């Protein structure tokens, strides 16, 4: 099956957002008198908004609802992104390079408001034919729902897509959707070995991702 689309993740691929998410959520939990556990950040990566808000409300903080958690944390994240967008090197260039080659999609665990804010500030929102937040599907990563939905919106089979991911749950999600996966691991949060093994190619950075590469690994 020929390659018909390229699907990006957002957090950890185009923006170095995980440190911001961790700082904001840690600060929120601390402000509410909660407890941040040793495995909290790893557990939160890839969760949908509903999932991480429920986890924080149920396991980390007393006397707060998941809805309150989501609203207040996303508001803090919006303020941080409006102040400065933590772009990763080559982010805008790789999006434009790949958009000139194949239709683009995006499947992200970020809430819709942050997806639209980031792509708009980056000036590439018009290059994506489909974008999906896992808050808009039944299950977050590592389930394949987000990737399957973006493929459906692009009107292509998931097997005809290459996905670009960084995290363990993201790699598992794209692979479960039967997409060919490129891993671009972040040193601060390296994926688990079993998840990394699902990738057809491991790239050192975004500059390595080219039309030639995606065509070769998809065959």
N, C-alpha and C. Protein backbone atom coordinates (compact mmCIF):
# COMPACT_ATOMS: atom_id res chain seq x y z
N UNK A 1 0.84 -1.20 0.00
CA UNK A 1 0.00 0.00 0.00
C UNK A 1 0.88 1.25 0.00
N UNK A 2 0.66 2.18 -0.92
CA UNK A 2 1.51 3.38 -0.96
C UNK A 2 1.26 4.30 0.23
N UNK A 3 2.24 5.12 0.51
CA UNK A 3 2.11 6.10 1.58
C UNK A 3 1.15 7.20 1.13
N UNK A 4 0.11 7.47 1.94
CA UNK A 4 -0.90 8.45 1.57
C UNK A 4 -0.96 9.64 2.51
N UNK A 5 -0.37 9.55 3.70
CA UNK A 5 -0.43 10.66 4.65
C UNK A 5 0.65 10.50 5.71
N UNK A 6 1.02 11.63 6.31
CA UNK A 6 1.96 11.66 7.43
C UNK A 6 1.23 12.29 8.61
N UNK A 7 1.31 11.62 9.77
CA UNK A 7 0.58 12.07 10.95
C UNK A 7 1.57 12.39 12.07
N UNK A 8 1.54 13.62 12.54
CA UNK A 8 2.41 14.05 13.61
C UNK A 8 1.72 13.94 14.97
N UNK A 9 2.52 13.64 15.99
CA UNK A 9 2.15 13.94 17.37
C UNK A 9 2.55 15.38 17.61
N UNK A 10 2.08 15.98 18.69
CA UNK A 10 2.42 17.37 18.99
C UNK A 10 3.44 17.46 20.13
N UNK A 11 3.03 17.03 21.31
CA UNK A 11 3.88 17.16 22.50
C UNK A 11 5.09 16.24 22.41
N UNK A 12 6.27 16.83 22.51
CA UNK A 12 7.49 16.05 22.44
C UNK A 12 8.00 15.84 21.04
N UNK A 13 7.20 16.18 20.04
CA UNK A 13 7.62 16.06 18.64
C UNK A 13 7.82 17.45 18.03
N UNK A 14 6.79 18.27 18.10
CA UNK A 14 6.90 19.63 17.56
C UNK A 14 7.20 20.66 18.64
N UNK A 15 6.73 20.42 19.84
CA UNK A 15 7.02 21.33 20.95
C UNK A 15 7.55 20.55 22.14
N UNK A 16 8.47 21.18 22.86
CA UNK A 16 9.07 20.55 24.04
C UNK A 16 8.18 20.85 25.24
N UNK A 17 7.01 20.25 25.21
CA UNK A 17 5.96 20.62 26.16
C UNK A 17 5.95 19.81 27.44
N UNK A 18 6.56 18.63 27.42
CA UNK A 18 6.47 17.78 28.61
C UNK A 18 7.04 18.47 29.86
N UNK A 19 8.18 19.18 29.76
CA UNK A 19 8.65 19.90 30.96
C UNK A 19 7.66 20.97 31.43
N UNK A 20 6.97 21.61 30.48
CA UNK A 20 5.98 22.63 30.85
C UNK A 20 4.78 21.98 31.51
N UNK A 21 4.27 20.89 30.90
CA UNK A 21 3.15 20.16 31.50
C UNK A 21 3.51 19.71 32.92
N UNK A 22 4.71 19.16 33.08
CA UNK A 22 5.10 18.66 34.41
C UNK A 22 5.17 19.81 35.40
N UNK A 23 5.79 20.92 35.01
CA UNK A 23 5.91 22.06 35.92
C UNK A 23 4.54 22.61 36.29
N UNK A 24 3.66 22.75 35.29
CA UNK A 24 2.33 23.31 35.55
C UNK A 24 1.50 22.37 36.43
N UNK A 25 1.50 21.08 36.11
CA UNK A 25 0.69 20.16 36.89
C UNK A 25 1.26 19.94 38.29
N UNK A 26 2.59 19.90 38.39
CA UNK A 26 3.21 19.81 39.73
C UNK A 26 2.84 21.02 40.57
N UNK A 27 2.92 22.20 39.95
CA UNK A 27 2.58 23.42 40.67
C UNK A 27 1.13 23.45 41.10
N UNK A 28 0.26 22.99 40.21
CA UNK A 28 -1.17 22.95 40.54
C UNK A 28 -1.43 22.00 41.71
N UNK A 29 -0.84 20.82 41.65
CA UNK A 29 -1.02 19.84 42.72
C UNK A 29 -0.48 20.40 44.04
N UNK A 30 0.69 21.04 43.99
CA UNK A 30 1.27 21.62 45.21
C UNK A 30 0.39 22.74 45.76
N UNK A 31 -0.12 23.59 44.88
CA UNK A 31 -0.98 24.69 45.32
C UNK A 31 -2.25 24.19 45.99
N UNK A 32 -2.70 23.00 45.58
CA UNK A 32 -3.92 22.41 46.14
C UNK A 32 -3.63 21.50 47.33
N UNK A 33 -2.36 21.47 47.76
CA UNK A 33 -2.02 20.62 48.90
C UNK A 33 -2.00 19.15 48.59
N UNK A 34 -1.79 18.81 47.33
CA UNK A 34 -1.79 17.42 46.92
C UNK A 34 -0.42 16.78 47.03
N UNK A 35 -0.30 15.56 46.50
CA UNK A 35 0.93 14.78 46.59
C UNK A 35 1.32 14.29 45.20
N UNK A 36 2.50 14.63 44.77
CA UNK A 36 3.04 14.21 43.48
C UNK A 36 3.83 12.93 43.69
N UNK A 37 3.45 11.84 43.02
CA UNK A 37 4.07 10.53 43.23
C UNK A 37 5.24 10.32 42.28
N UNK A 38 6.16 9.43 42.61
CA UNK A 38 7.35 9.23 41.77
C UNK A 38 7.06 8.87 40.32
N UNK A 39 5.96 8.15 40.08
CA UNK A 39 5.66 7.72 38.71
C UNK A 39 4.58 8.57 38.05
N UNK A 40 4.22 9.70 38.67
CA UNK A 40 3.10 10.49 38.15
C UNK A 40 3.34 11.00 36.74
N UNK A 41 4.49 11.63 36.47
CA UNK A 41 4.72 12.20 35.14
C UNK A 41 4.69 11.13 34.06
N UNK A 42 5.31 9.99 34.32
CA UNK A 42 5.30 8.91 33.34
C UNK A 42 3.88 8.42 33.08
N UNK A 43 3.08 8.33 34.12
CA UNK A 43 1.70 7.87 33.95
C UNK A 43 0.86 8.87 33.16
N UNK A 44 1.13 10.16 33.36
CA UNK A 44 0.32 11.19 32.71
C UNK A 44 0.60 11.32 31.21
N UNK A 45 1.79 10.96 30.78
CA UNK A 45 2.16 11.14 29.37
C UNK A 45 1.28 10.27 28.47
N UNK A 46 0.60 10.93 27.53
CA UNK A 46 -0.26 10.22 26.59
C UNK A 46 -1.71 10.13 27.02
N UNK A 47 -2.01 10.43 28.30
CA UNK A 47 -3.39 10.40 28.74
C UNK A 47 -4.20 11.52 28.08
N UNK A 48 -5.46 11.26 27.84
CA UNK A 48 -6.35 12.31 27.36
C UNK A 48 -6.66 13.27 28.51
N UNK A 49 -7.27 14.39 28.18
CA UNK A 49 -7.62 15.38 29.19
C UNK A 49 -8.49 14.77 30.28
N UNK A 50 -9.51 14.02 29.87
CA UNK A 50 -10.41 13.40 30.84
C UNK A 50 -9.64 12.45 31.75
N UNK A 51 -8.72 11.68 31.16
CA UNK A 51 -7.99 10.68 31.92
C UNK A 51 -7.03 11.31 32.93
N UNK A 52 -6.23 12.31 32.49
CA UNK A 52 -5.27 12.87 33.45
C UNK A 52 -5.95 13.74 34.50
N UNK A 53 -7.04 14.41 34.12
CA UNK A 53 -7.76 15.21 35.11
C UNK A 53 -8.39 14.31 36.17
N UNK A 54 -8.93 13.19 35.75
CA UNK A 54 -9.53 12.25 36.70
C UNK A 54 -8.46 11.64 37.61
N UNK A 55 -7.31 11.31 37.03
CA UNK A 55 -6.22 10.74 37.83
C UNK A 55 -5.76 11.73 38.91
N UNK A 56 -5.57 13.00 38.52
CA UNK A 56 -5.13 14.00 39.50
C UNK A 56 -6.19 14.20 40.58
N UNK A 57 -7.45 14.27 40.16
CA UNK A 57 -8.53 14.49 41.13
C UNK A 57 -8.71 13.29 42.07
N UNK A 58 -8.57 12.10 41.53
CA UNK A 58 -8.83 10.90 42.34
C UNK A 58 -7.63 10.47 43.18
N UNK A 59 -6.40 10.65 42.64
CA UNK A 59 -5.22 10.06 43.27
C UNK A 59 -4.27 11.05 43.91
N UNK A 60 -4.32 12.32 43.49
CA UNK A 60 -3.30 13.26 43.95
C UNK A 60 -3.84 14.39 44.83
N UNK A 61 -5.10 14.76 44.64
CA UNK A 61 -5.66 15.91 45.36
C UNK A 61 -6.99 15.51 45.98
N UNK A 62 -7.27 16.00 47.17
CA UNK A 62 -8.57 15.78 47.80
C UNK A 62 -9.46 16.99 47.60
N UNK A 63 -10.76 16.73 47.45
CA UNK A 63 -11.74 17.80 47.43
C UNK A 63 -11.80 18.62 46.16
N UNK A 64 -11.45 18.03 45.03
CA UNK A 64 -11.51 18.74 43.75
C UNK A 64 -12.08 17.78 42.71
N UNK A 65 -12.82 18.32 41.75
CA UNK A 65 -13.39 17.48 40.70
C UNK A 65 -12.45 17.44 39.49
N UNK A 66 -12.62 16.42 38.67
CA UNK A 66 -11.82 16.31 37.46
C UNK A 66 -12.06 17.50 36.53
N UNK A 67 -13.29 17.98 36.50
CA UNK A 67 -13.62 19.13 35.65
C UNK A 67 -12.85 20.37 36.10
N UNK A 68 -12.76 20.57 37.41
CA UNK A 68 -12.01 21.72 37.94
C UNK A 68 -10.53 21.58 37.62
N UNK A 69 -10.00 20.38 37.76
CA UNK A 69 -8.59 20.14 37.45
C UNK A 69 -8.31 20.49 35.99
N UNK A 70 -9.11 19.95 35.09
CA UNK A 70 -8.88 20.19 33.66
C UNK A 70 -8.93 21.67 33.33
N UNK A 71 -9.94 22.36 33.81
CA UNK A 71 -10.11 23.78 33.50
C UNK A 71 -8.92 24.60 33.99
N UNK A 72 -8.52 24.37 35.23
CA UNK A 72 -7.46 25.20 35.83
C UNK A 72 -6.09 24.89 35.24
N UNK A 73 -5.80 23.62 34.98
CA UNK A 73 -4.50 23.26 34.41
C UNK A 73 -4.40 23.75 32.97
N UNK A 74 -5.44 23.57 32.18
CA UNK A 74 -5.40 24.03 30.78
C UNK A 74 -5.29 25.54 30.72
N UNK A 75 -5.94 26.24 31.65
CA UNK A 75 -5.81 27.69 31.69
C UNK A 75 -4.37 28.10 31.97
N UNK A 76 -3.70 27.41 32.87
CA UNK A 76 -2.29 27.71 33.17
C UNK A 76 -1.41 27.40 31.96
N UNK A 77 -1.69 26.30 31.28
CA UNK A 77 -0.91 25.95 30.09
C UNK A 77 -1.11 26.98 28.98
N UNK A 78 -2.33 27.44 28.82
CA UNK A 78 -2.61 28.45 27.79
C UNK A 78 -1.80 29.71 28.06
N UNK A 79 -1.76 30.14 29.30
CA UNK A 79 -0.98 31.32 29.65
C UNK A 79 0.50 31.12 29.35
N UNK A 80 1.02 29.93 29.65
CA UNK A 80 2.44 29.67 29.39
C UNK A 80 2.73 29.69 27.89
N UNK A 81 1.86 29.09 27.08
CA UNK A 81 2.09 29.05 25.63
C UNK A 81 1.94 30.44 25.01
N UNK A 82 1.06 31.25 25.56
CA UNK A 82 0.92 32.60 25.04
C UNK A 82 2.15 33.45 25.34
N UNK A 83 2.79 33.15 26.46
CA UNK A 83 4.02 33.86 26.82
C UNK A 83 5.19 33.42 25.94
N UNK A 84 5.34 32.14 25.73
CA UNK A 84 6.44 31.60 24.93
C UNK A 84 6.12 30.17 24.52
N UNK A 85 6.23 29.90 23.22
CA UNK A 85 5.95 28.57 22.71
C UNK A 85 7.25 27.76 22.71
N UNK A 86 7.27 26.62 23.40
CA UNK A 86 8.51 25.84 23.51
C UNK A 86 8.77 24.97 22.28
N UNK A 87 9.02 25.61 21.15
CA UNK A 87 9.22 24.88 19.91
C UNK A 87 10.50 24.05 19.95
N UNK A 88 10.44 22.87 19.36
CA UNK A 88 11.64 22.07 19.18
C UNK A 88 12.34 22.46 17.89
N UNK A 89 13.66 22.34 17.83
CA UNK A 89 14.39 22.72 16.62
C UNK A 89 13.88 21.98 15.39
N UNK A 90 13.62 22.73 14.33
CA UNK A 90 13.19 22.13 13.07
C UNK A 90 11.71 21.86 12.97
N UNK A 91 10.91 22.26 13.97
CA UNK A 91 9.49 21.92 13.98
C UNK A 91 8.74 22.51 12.79
N UNK A 92 8.84 23.82 12.62
CA UNK A 92 8.11 24.45 11.51
C UNK A 92 8.63 23.93 10.17
N UNK A 93 9.93 23.76 10.06
CA UNK A 93 10.52 23.31 8.79
C UNK A 93 10.05 21.91 8.41
N UNK A 94 10.01 20.98 9.38
CA UNK A 94 9.62 19.61 9.05
C UNK A 94 8.15 19.56 8.66
N UNK A 95 7.31 20.36 9.29
CA UNK A 95 5.89 20.37 8.92
C UNK A 95 5.74 20.87 7.48
N UNK A 96 6.40 21.94 7.15
CA UNK A 96 6.29 22.48 5.79
C UNK A 96 6.90 21.51 4.76
N UNK A 97 8.01 20.89 5.12
CA UNK A 97 8.65 19.94 4.21
C UNK A 97 7.75 18.75 3.93
N UNK A 98 7.14 18.20 4.97
CA UNK A 98 6.31 17.02 4.77
C UNK A 98 4.96 17.37 4.14
N UNK A 99 4.44 18.57 4.43
CA UNK A 99 3.17 18.99 3.83
C UNK A 99 3.30 19.13 2.32
N UNK A 100 4.48 19.44 1.84
CA UNK A 100 4.71 19.54 0.39
C UNK A 100 4.79 18.17 -0.26
N UNK A 101 4.88 17.13 0.56
CA UNK A 101 5.03 15.77 0.03
C UNK A 101 3.75 14.95 0.13
N UNK A 102 3.09 15.00 1.30
CA UNK A 102 1.88 14.21 1.53
C UNK A 102 0.92 15.00 2.43
N UNK A 103 -0.37 14.69 2.39
CA UNK A 103 -1.31 15.32 3.34
C UNK A 103 -0.90 15.04 4.77
N UNK A 104 -1.14 16.03 5.63
CA UNK A 104 -0.75 15.91 7.03
C UNK A 104 -1.95 15.77 7.95
N UNK A 105 -1.76 14.97 9.00
CA UNK A 105 -2.70 14.89 10.11
C UNK A 105 -1.95 15.07 11.41
N UNK A 106 -2.69 15.23 12.48
CA UNK A 106 -2.10 15.35 13.81
C UNK A 106 -2.98 14.64 14.82
N UNK A 107 -2.35 13.80 15.65
CA UNK A 107 -3.06 13.12 16.72
C UNK A 107 -2.34 13.43 18.02
N UNK A 108 -3.00 14.16 18.91
CA UNK A 108 -2.34 14.65 20.11
C UNK A 108 -3.17 14.38 21.36
N UNK A 109 -2.46 14.19 22.47
CA UNK A 109 -3.13 14.08 23.76
C UNK A 109 -3.47 15.44 24.35
N UNK A 110 -2.97 16.50 23.75
CA UNK A 110 -3.30 17.84 24.23
C UNK A 110 -4.78 18.15 23.98
N UNK A 111 -5.36 18.99 24.81
CA UNK A 111 -6.74 19.41 24.56
C UNK A 111 -6.83 20.25 23.29
N UNK A 112 -8.02 20.30 22.72
CA UNK A 112 -8.24 21.02 21.47
C UNK A 112 -7.77 22.47 21.54
N UNK A 113 -8.04 23.14 22.64
CA UNK A 113 -7.67 24.55 22.75
C UNK A 113 -6.17 24.75 22.59
N UNK A 114 -5.36 23.85 23.15
CA UNK A 114 -3.92 23.99 23.05
C UNK A 114 -3.40 23.58 21.67
N UNK A 115 -3.99 22.57 21.07
CA UNK A 115 -3.61 22.20 19.70
C UNK A 115 -3.79 23.39 18.77
N UNK A 116 -4.96 24.00 18.82
CA UNK A 116 -5.25 25.13 17.92
C UNK A 116 -4.35 26.32 18.23
N UNK A 117 -4.07 26.56 19.50
CA UNK A 117 -3.20 27.67 19.88
C UNK A 117 -1.78 27.45 19.34
N UNK A 118 -1.24 26.26 19.53
CA UNK A 118 0.13 25.98 19.09
C UNK A 118 0.25 26.06 17.57
N UNK A 119 -0.63 25.38 16.85
CA UNK A 119 -0.52 25.37 15.39
C UNK A 119 -0.76 26.76 14.81
N UNK A 120 -1.64 27.52 15.45
CA UNK A 120 -1.89 28.89 14.99
C UNK A 120 -0.69 29.78 15.20
N UNK A 121 -0.08 29.71 16.40
CA UNK A 121 1.10 30.54 16.69
C UNK A 121 2.28 30.13 15.81
N UNK A 122 2.36 28.85 15.49
CA UNK A 122 3.43 28.36 14.64
C UNK A 122 3.20 28.74 13.17
N UNK A 123 1.96 29.06 12.84
CA UNK A 123 1.63 29.47 11.48
C UNK A 123 1.52 28.31 10.50
N UNK A 124 1.17 27.12 11.02
CA UNK A 124 1.08 25.95 10.14
C UNK A 124 -0.28 25.27 10.24
N UNK A 125 -1.23 25.90 10.90
CA UNK A 125 -2.53 25.26 11.09
C UNK A 125 -3.19 24.89 9.77
N UNK A 126 -3.01 25.71 8.75
CA UNK A 126 -3.65 25.46 7.46
C UNK A 126 -3.03 24.29 6.71
N UNK A 127 -1.86 23.82 7.16
CA UNK A 127 -1.18 22.71 6.49
C UNK A 127 -1.69 21.35 6.94
N UNK A 128 -2.44 21.32 8.01
CA UNK A 128 -2.97 20.05 8.53
C UNK A 128 -4.41 19.86 8.05
N UNK A 129 -4.63 18.77 7.34
CA UNK A 129 -5.97 18.49 6.83
C UNK A 129 -6.88 17.89 7.90
N UNK A 130 -6.29 17.33 8.93
CA UNK A 130 -7.08 16.75 10.02
C UNK A 130 -6.26 16.81 11.30
N UNK A 131 -6.90 17.22 12.39
CA UNK A 131 -6.27 17.21 13.70
C UNK A 131 -7.25 16.62 14.70
N UNK A 132 -6.73 15.78 15.58
CA UNK A 132 -7.58 15.09 16.56
C UNK A 132 -6.94 15.20 17.94
N UNK A 133 -7.73 15.59 18.91
CA UNK A 133 -7.33 15.52 20.31
C UNK A 133 -7.91 14.25 20.91
N UNK A 134 -7.13 13.59 21.78
CA UNK A 134 -7.67 12.37 22.38
C UNK A 134 -8.83 12.67 23.32
N UNK A 135 -9.08 13.95 23.65
CA UNK A 135 -10.27 14.26 24.42
C UNK A 135 -11.52 14.11 23.55
N UNK A 136 -11.33 13.98 22.24
CA UNK A 136 -12.44 13.87 21.30
C UNK A 136 -12.74 12.42 20.91
N UNK A 137 -11.98 11.47 21.48
CA UNK A 137 -12.20 10.06 21.19
C UNK A 137 -12.43 9.31 22.51
N UNK A 138 -12.78 8.05 22.42
CA UNK A 138 -13.14 7.29 23.62
C UNK A 138 -11.96 7.02 24.53
N UNK A 139 -10.80 6.73 23.93
CA UNK A 139 -9.64 6.32 24.73
C UNK A 139 -8.40 7.09 24.29
N UNK A 140 -7.58 7.48 25.27
CA UNK A 140 -6.32 8.12 24.97
C UNK A 140 -5.25 7.11 24.61
N UNK A 141 -4.06 7.60 24.31
CA UNK A 141 -2.93 6.72 24.04
C UNK A 141 -2.59 5.94 25.32
N UNK A 142 -2.24 4.66 25.24
CA UNK A 142 -1.76 3.90 24.09
C UNK A 142 -2.83 3.26 23.20
N UNK A 143 -4.09 3.48 23.48
CA UNK A 143 -5.12 2.97 22.58
C UNK A 143 -4.99 3.66 21.21
N UNK A 144 -5.41 3.02 20.14
CA UNK A 144 -5.21 3.57 18.80
C UNK A 144 -6.26 4.58 18.35
N UNK A 145 -7.22 4.90 19.22
CA UNK A 145 -8.39 5.68 18.80
C UNK A 145 -8.05 6.99 18.09
N UNK A 146 -7.12 7.75 18.64
CA UNK A 146 -6.79 9.04 18.04
C UNK A 146 -6.22 8.89 16.65
N UNK A 147 -5.32 7.94 16.46
CA UNK A 147 -4.72 7.73 15.15
C UNK A 147 -5.72 7.17 14.14
N UNK A 148 -6.57 6.28 14.59
CA UNK A 148 -7.60 5.76 13.69
C UNK A 148 -8.56 6.86 13.26
N UNK A 149 -8.88 7.76 14.18
CA UNK A 149 -9.81 8.84 13.86
C UNK A 149 -9.20 9.83 12.88
N UNK A 150 -7.93 10.18 13.06
CA UNK A 150 -7.33 11.13 12.14
C UNK A 150 -7.19 10.51 10.75
N UNK A 151 -6.91 9.21 10.66
CA UNK A 151 -6.86 8.54 9.36
C UNK A 151 -8.23 8.58 8.68
N UNK A 152 -9.27 8.34 9.48
CA UNK A 152 -10.63 8.40 8.92
C UNK A 152 -10.96 9.80 8.41
N UNK A 153 -10.54 10.83 9.15
CA UNK A 153 -10.79 12.20 8.72
C UNK A 153 -10.00 12.55 7.46
N UNK A 154 -8.82 11.95 7.33
CA UNK A 154 -8.02 12.14 6.12
C UNK A 154 -8.54 11.31 4.95
N UNK A 155 -9.43 10.38 5.26
CA UNK A 155 -10.03 9.47 4.27
C UNK A 155 -8.97 8.57 3.63
N UNK A 156 -8.08 8.06 4.49
CA UNK A 156 -7.07 7.11 4.04
C UNK A 156 -7.01 5.96 5.04
N UNK A 157 -6.59 4.77 4.63
CA UNK A 157 -6.41 3.68 5.59
C UNK A 157 -5.27 4.02 6.55
N UNK A 158 -5.41 3.63 7.80
CA UNK A 158 -4.34 3.88 8.76
C UNK A 158 -3.04 3.23 8.33
N UNK A 159 -3.12 2.07 7.68
CA UNK A 159 -1.91 1.38 7.22
C UNK A 159 -1.16 2.16 6.14
N UNK A 160 -1.82 3.16 5.56
CA UNK A 160 -1.18 3.97 4.52
C UNK A 160 -0.54 5.23 5.09
N UNK A 161 -0.41 5.30 6.43
CA UNK A 161 0.14 6.49 7.09
C UNK A 161 1.46 6.18 7.79
N UNK A 162 2.30 7.19 7.84
CA UNK A 162 3.48 7.18 8.71
C UNK A 162 3.20 8.12 9.87
N UNK A 163 3.42 7.65 11.08
CA UNK A 163 3.22 8.47 12.27
C UNK A 163 4.57 8.83 12.88
N UNK A 164 4.65 10.04 13.43
CA UNK A 164 5.89 10.52 14.05
C UNK A 164 5.61 10.75 15.52
N UNK A 165 6.29 9.98 16.38
CA UNK A 165 5.99 9.95 17.81
C UNK A 165 7.27 10.00 18.64
N UNK A 166 7.10 10.29 19.94
CA UNK A 166 8.25 10.34 20.84
C UNK A 166 8.09 9.48 22.08
N UNK A 167 6.88 9.33 22.60
CA UNK A 167 6.69 8.69 23.90
C UNK A 167 6.31 7.22 23.77
N UNK A 168 6.44 6.52 24.87
CA UNK A 168 6.07 5.10 24.88
C UNK A 168 4.63 4.90 24.47
N UNK A 169 3.71 5.62 25.12
CA UNK A 169 2.29 5.44 24.82
C UNK A 169 1.95 5.91 23.42
N UNK A 170 2.63 6.94 22.94
CA UNK A 170 2.39 7.40 21.58
C UNK A 170 2.83 6.37 20.55
N UNK A 171 4.00 5.79 20.75
CA UNK A 171 4.49 4.75 19.84
C UNK A 171 3.54 3.55 19.84
N UNK A 172 3.09 3.17 21.03
CA UNK A 172 2.16 2.03 21.12
C UNK A 172 0.84 2.35 20.42
N UNK A 173 0.38 3.58 20.56
CA UNK A 173 -0.89 3.99 19.97
C UNK A 173 -0.83 3.93 18.44
N UNK A 174 0.20 4.53 17.87
CA UNK A 174 0.32 4.56 16.41
C UNK A 174 0.53 3.16 15.85
N UNK A 175 1.32 2.35 16.55
CA UNK A 175 1.55 0.98 16.09
C UNK A 175 0.26 0.16 16.17
N UNK A 176 -0.52 0.37 17.24
CA UNK A 176 -1.78 -0.36 17.38
C UNK A 176 -2.76 0.01 16.27
N UNK A 177 -2.62 1.22 15.72
CA UNK A 177 -3.46 1.64 14.60
C UNK A 177 -2.94 1.10 13.27
N UNK A 178 -1.83 0.36 13.31
CA UNK A 178 -1.19 -0.25 12.14
C UNK A 178 -0.52 0.78 11.24
N UNK A 179 -0.12 1.91 11.81
CA UNK A 179 0.67 2.87 11.06
C UNK A 179 2.15 2.50 11.15
N UNK A 180 2.90 2.88 10.13
CA UNK A 180 4.35 2.81 10.21
C UNK A 180 4.82 3.94 11.10
N UNK A 181 5.71 3.65 12.04
CA UNK A 181 6.04 4.64 13.07
C UNK A 181 7.50 5.05 13.01
N UNK A 182 7.72 6.36 13.06
CA UNK A 182 9.06 6.92 13.26
C UNK A 182 9.11 7.44 14.69
N UNK A 183 10.12 7.04 15.43
CA UNK A 183 10.33 7.53 16.79
C UNK A 183 11.36 8.65 16.78
N UNK A 184 11.03 9.74 17.48
CA UNK A 184 11.99 10.82 17.71
C UNK A 184 12.07 11.01 19.22
N UNK A 185 12.83 10.16 19.91
CA UNK A 185 12.79 10.15 21.38
C UNK A 185 13.33 11.45 21.97
N UNK A 186 12.74 11.85 23.10
CA UNK A 186 13.23 12.98 23.86
C UNK A 186 14.13 12.45 24.98
N UNK A 187 15.36 12.94 25.08
CA UNK A 187 16.29 12.42 26.09
C UNK A 187 15.76 12.49 27.52
N UNK A 188 14.97 13.53 27.82
CA UNK A 188 14.47 13.69 29.18
C UNK A 188 13.41 12.64 29.53
N UNK A 189 12.71 12.14 28.51
CA UNK A 189 11.66 11.14 28.74
C UNK A 189 11.78 10.04 27.68
N UNK A 190 12.84 9.24 27.72
CA UNK A 190 13.03 8.21 26.69
C UNK A 190 11.95 7.15 26.76
N UNK A 191 11.50 6.68 25.61
CA UNK A 191 10.48 5.63 25.61
C UNK A 191 11.02 4.32 26.14
N UNK A 192 10.13 3.49 26.62
CA UNK A 192 10.51 2.16 27.10
C UNK A 192 11.05 1.34 25.93
N UNK A 193 12.00 0.45 26.19
CA UNK A 193 12.59 -0.34 25.10
C UNK A 193 11.57 -1.10 24.27
N UNK A 194 10.55 -1.67 24.92
CA UNK A 194 9.57 -2.42 24.16
C UNK A 194 8.75 -1.53 23.24
N UNK A 195 8.51 -0.29 23.66
CA UNK A 195 7.77 0.65 22.82
C UNK A 195 8.65 1.14 21.67
N UNK A 196 9.90 1.43 21.97
CA UNK A 196 10.83 1.90 20.93
C UNK A 196 11.02 0.83 19.85
N UNK A 197 10.94 -0.43 20.25
CA UNK A 197 11.11 -1.52 19.29
C UNK A 197 9.99 -1.57 18.26
N UNK A 198 8.89 -0.89 18.52
CA UNK A 198 7.76 -0.87 17.57
C UNK A 198 8.01 0.08 16.41
N UNK A 199 9.00 0.95 16.54
CA UNK A 199 9.27 1.94 15.50
C UNK A 199 10.00 1.31 14.32
N UNK A 200 9.61 1.73 13.13
CA UNK A 200 10.32 1.28 11.93
C UNK A 200 11.63 2.03 11.75
N UNK A 201 11.73 3.20 12.37
CA UNK A 201 12.96 3.99 12.30
C UNK A 201 13.04 4.87 13.53
N UNK A 202 14.24 5.04 14.08
CA UNK A 202 14.47 5.93 15.21
C UNK A 202 15.33 7.10 14.71
N UNK A 203 14.77 8.31 14.76
CA UNK A 203 15.46 9.49 14.27
C UNK A 203 16.10 10.26 15.42
N UNK A 204 17.24 10.85 15.14
CA UNK A 204 17.92 11.66 16.15
C UNK A 204 17.24 13.01 16.35
N UNK A 205 16.67 13.54 15.28
CA UNK A 205 16.02 14.85 15.36
C UNK A 205 15.06 15.01 14.18
N UNK A 206 14.36 16.15 14.14
CA UNK A 206 13.37 16.38 13.10
C UNK A 206 14.00 16.60 11.74
N UNK A 207 15.24 17.06 11.69
CA UNK A 207 15.91 17.28 10.41
C UNK A 207 16.07 15.98 9.64
N UNK A 208 16.07 14.86 10.36
CA UNK A 208 16.26 13.55 9.74
C UNK A 208 15.01 13.07 9.00
N UNK A 209 13.88 13.69 9.32
CA UNK A 209 12.61 13.24 8.73
C UNK A 209 12.38 13.96 7.41
N UNK A 210 12.48 13.20 6.33
CA UNK A 210 12.38 13.74 4.98
C UNK A 210 11.40 12.90 4.17
N UNK A 211 10.95 13.43 3.03
CA UNK A 211 10.09 12.61 2.15
C UNK A 211 10.76 11.29 1.75
N UNK A 212 12.06 11.35 1.51
CA UNK A 212 12.77 10.14 1.13
C UNK A 212 12.72 9.10 2.23
N UNK A 213 12.91 9.52 3.47
CA UNK A 213 12.90 8.60 4.60
C UNK A 213 11.54 7.94 4.76
N UNK A 214 10.47 8.73 4.76
CA UNK A 214 9.15 8.14 5.01
C UNK A 214 8.76 7.16 3.89
N UNK A 215 9.16 7.46 2.67
CA UNK A 215 8.85 6.55 1.58
C UNK A 215 9.60 5.23 1.74
N UNK A 216 10.86 5.31 2.13
CA UNK A 216 11.68 4.10 2.27
C UNK A 216 11.17 3.20 3.40
N UNK A 217 10.87 3.80 4.56
CA UNK A 217 10.49 2.96 5.70
C UNK A 217 9.06 2.43 5.56
N UNK A 218 8.24 3.09 4.74
CA UNK A 218 6.86 2.64 4.60
C UNK A 218 6.74 1.42 3.69
N UNK A 219 7.73 1.19 2.87
CA UNK A 219 7.65 0.07 1.93
C UNK A 219 7.73 -1.26 2.67
